[in-house]
Every structure is written in structure tokens, then in C-alpha cells.
Amino acid sequence: MRILGFRNQRKDLRTALQSMRNHGIFVNGPYRRRTGTFVFSVSSCVITEDELLRLQREGKFEAKDLQEILTEIRNRPA
């Protein structure tokens, strides 16, 4: 069952990336951290795979919503 969950998560991730690109949002990646977490560069900001999937679930791929979230991510402590 774990393999099917992983496959569904990959499909959701591809859908999210394509949706962002369709809205004209520049997305680069994925890059893998040493911990195994995938990260993406979105408008000069680094977000994790989980954050990207959360954005998709919440339907926040509009440019205005995304800018608010990216600002929040930039301001969090490293």
C-alpha cells in the first residue's frame, strides 16, 4: 500500500508543478536535501515538497495567494 501512496503523491506533485507553471510561476527543481526531502525553487524562494502539496490542496496557486505565502516563507527563521 505504501507504494501506491507514493505513486499518488508523485502524481499530485506533478499536477501541482504543472498548475504553477500554467499560472506563469517559475518553478525549478526538484532538488533533494541530505535528509531525503525534495525542495523546489519558486520565485527565488525554496519550498519543500510538503509545502507545495499543501498549497495545491488549499487551492492557493493564484499569483496573489502565492506571493503572500512566499513572503511568509522568506520571513521564517532558517
C-alpha atoms as a PDB file:
ATOM      1  CA  MET A   1       0.000   0.000   0.000  1.00  0.00           C
ATOM      2  CA  ARG A   2       2.909   2.330   0.649  1.00  0.00           C
ATOM      3  CA  ILE A   3       3.996   2.160  -2.999  1.00  0.00           C
ATOM      4  CA  LEU A   4       0.552   3.260  -4.189  1.00  0.00           C
ATOM      5  CA  GLY A   5       0.586   6.168  -1.749  1.00  0.00           C
ATOM      6  CA  PHE A   6       3.991   7.207  -3.023  1.00  0.00           C
ATOM      7  CA  ARG A   7       2.793   6.984  -6.620  1.00  0.00           C
ATOM      8  CA  ASN A   8      -0.280   9.108  -5.851  1.00  0.00           C
ATOM      9  CA  GLN A   9       1.877  11.686  -4.089  1.00  0.00           C
ATOM     10  CA  ARG A  10       4.174  11.920  -7.140  1.00  0.00           C
ATOM     11  CA  LYS A  11       1.149  12.387  -9.403  1.00  0.00           C
ATOM     12  CA  ASP A  12      -0.188  15.135  -7.104  1.00  0.00           C
ATOM     13  CA  LEU A  13       3.225  16.784  -7.122  1.00  0.00           C
ATOM     14  CA  ARG A  14       3.443  16.756 -10.932  1.00  0.00           C
ATOM     15  CA  THR A  15      -0.068  18.219 -11.121  1.00  0.00           C
ATOM     16  CA  ALA A  16       0.867  20.978  -8.662  1.00  0.00           C
ATOM     17  CA  LEU A  17       4.028  21.870 -10.566  1.00  0.00           C
ATOM     18  CA  GLN A  18       2.203  21.974 -13.883  1.00  0.00           C
ATOM     19  CA  SER A  19      -0.534  24.134 -12.397  1.00  0.00           C
ATOM     20  CA  MET A  20       2.030  26.637 -11.111  1.00  0.00           C
ATOM     21  CA  ARG A  21       3.768  26.735 -14.470  1.00  0.00           C
ATOM     22  CA  ASN A  22       0.433  27.266 -16.207  1.00  0.00           C
ATOM     23  CA  HIS A  23      -0.086  30.340 -14.000  1.00  0.00           C
ATOM     24  CA  GLY A  24       3.284  31.709 -15.139  1.00  0.00           C
ATOM     25  CA  ILE A  25       5.072  30.966 -11.865  1.00  0.00           C
ATOM     26  CA  PHE A  26       8.699  29.976 -12.352  1.00  0.00           C
ATOM     27  CA  VAL A  27       9.452  26.655 -10.630  1.00  0.00           C
ATOM     28  CA  ASN A  28      12.841  24.989 -10.651  1.00  0.00           C
ATOM     29  CA  GLY A  29      13.696  21.610  -9.203  1.00  0.00           C
ATOM     30  CA  PRO A  30      13.251  19.187  -7.588  1.00  0.00           C
ATOM     31  CA  TYR A  31      16.427  19.076  -5.576  1.00  0.00           C
ATOM     32  CA  ARG A  32      16.965  16.513  -2.846  1.00  0.00           C
ATOM     33  CA  ARG A  33      18.343  17.524   0.547  1.00  0.00           C
ATOM     34  CA  ARG A  34      20.595  15.192   2.509  1.00  0.00           C
ATOM     35  CA  THR A  35      17.587  14.281   4.628  1.00  0.00           C
ATOM     36  CA  GLY A  36      15.797  12.990   1.523  1.00  0.00           C
ATOM     37  CA  THR A  37      13.317  15.866   1.380  1.00  0.00           C
ATOM     38  CA  PHE A  38      12.588  17.273  -2.053  1.00  0.00           C
ATOM     39  CA  VAL A  39      12.745  21.067  -2.360  1.00  0.00           C
ATOM     40  CA  PHE A  40      11.830  23.425  -5.187  1.00  0.00           C
ATOM     41  CA  SER A  41      12.884  26.931  -6.086  1.00  0.00           C
ATOM     42  CA  VAL A  42       9.769  29.056  -6.575  1.00  0.00           C
ATOM     43  CA  SER A  43      10.231  32.737  -7.396  1.00  0.00           C
ATOM     44  CA  SER A  44      13.649  32.875  -5.655  1.00  0.00           C
ATOM     45  CA  CYS A  45      12.275  31.089  -2.580  1.00  0.00           C
ATOM     46  CA  VAL A  46      12.856  27.473  -1.527  1.00  0.00           C
ATOM     47  CA  ILE A  47       9.804  25.420  -0.559  1.00  0.00           C
ATOM     48  CA  THR A  48       9.527  21.767   0.374  1.00  0.00           C
ATOM     49  CA  GLU A  49       7.511  19.111  -1.357  1.00  0.00           C
ATOM     50  CA  ASP A  50       5.048  19.041   1.561  1.00  0.00           C
ATOM     51  CA  GLU A  51       4.528  22.812   1.382  1.00  0.00           C
ATOM     52  CA  LEU A  52       3.911  22.575  -2.346  1.00  0.00           C
ATOM     53  CA  LEU A  53       1.338  19.815  -1.901  1.00  0.00           C
ATOM     54  CA  ARG A  54      -0.347  21.814   0.869  1.00  0.00           C
ATOM     55  CA  LEU A  55      -0.645  24.797  -1.472  1.00  0.00           C
ATOM     56  CA  GLN A  56      -2.293  22.586  -4.045  1.00  0.00           C
ATOM     57  CA  ARG A  57      -4.778  21.117  -1.551  1.00  0.00           C
ATOM     58  CA  GLU A  58      -5.711  24.612  -0.367  1.00  0.00           C
ATOM     59  CA  GLY A  59      -6.037  25.886  -3.940  1.00  0.00           C
ATOM     60  CA  LYS A  60      -3.541  28.707  -3.437  1.00  0.00           C
ATOM     61  CA  PHE A  61      -1.892  28.733  -6.833  1.00  0.00           C
ATOM     62  CA  GLU A  62      -3.129  32.156  -7.830  1.00  0.00           C
ATOM     63  CA  ALA A  63      -0.326  34.711  -8.087  1.00  0.00           C
ATOM     64  CA  LYS A  64      -1.644  36.883  -5.235  1.00  0.00           C
ATOM     65  CA  ASP A  65      -2.039  33.964  -2.815  1.00  0.00           C
ATOM     66  CA  LEU A  66       1.331  32.551  -3.753  1.00  0.00           C
ATOM     67  CA  GLN A  67       3.131  35.865  -3.195  1.00  0.00           C
ATOM     68  CA  GLU A  68       1.686  36.062   0.340  1.00  0.00           C
ATOM     69  CA  ILE A  69       2.862  32.539   1.114  1.00  0.00           C
ATOM     70  CA  LEU A  70       6.320  33.107  -0.367  1.00  0.00           C
ATOM     71  CA  THR A  71       6.720  36.258   1.713  1.00  0.00           C
ATOM     72  CA  GLU A  72       5.786  34.260   4.812  1.00  0.00           C
ATOM     73  CA  ILE A  73       8.322  31.559   3.926  1.00  0.00           C
ATOM     74  CA  ARG A  74      11.102  34.108   3.318  1.00  0.00           C
ATOM     75  CA  ASN A  75      10.488  35.706   6.713  1.00  0.00           C
ATOM     76  CA  ARG A  76      10.633  32.488   8.743  1.00  0.00           C
ATOM     77  CA  PRO A  77      13.843  31.737  10.628  1.00  0.00           C
ATOM     78  CA  ALA A  78      16.343  29.486   8.844  1.00  0.00           C
END
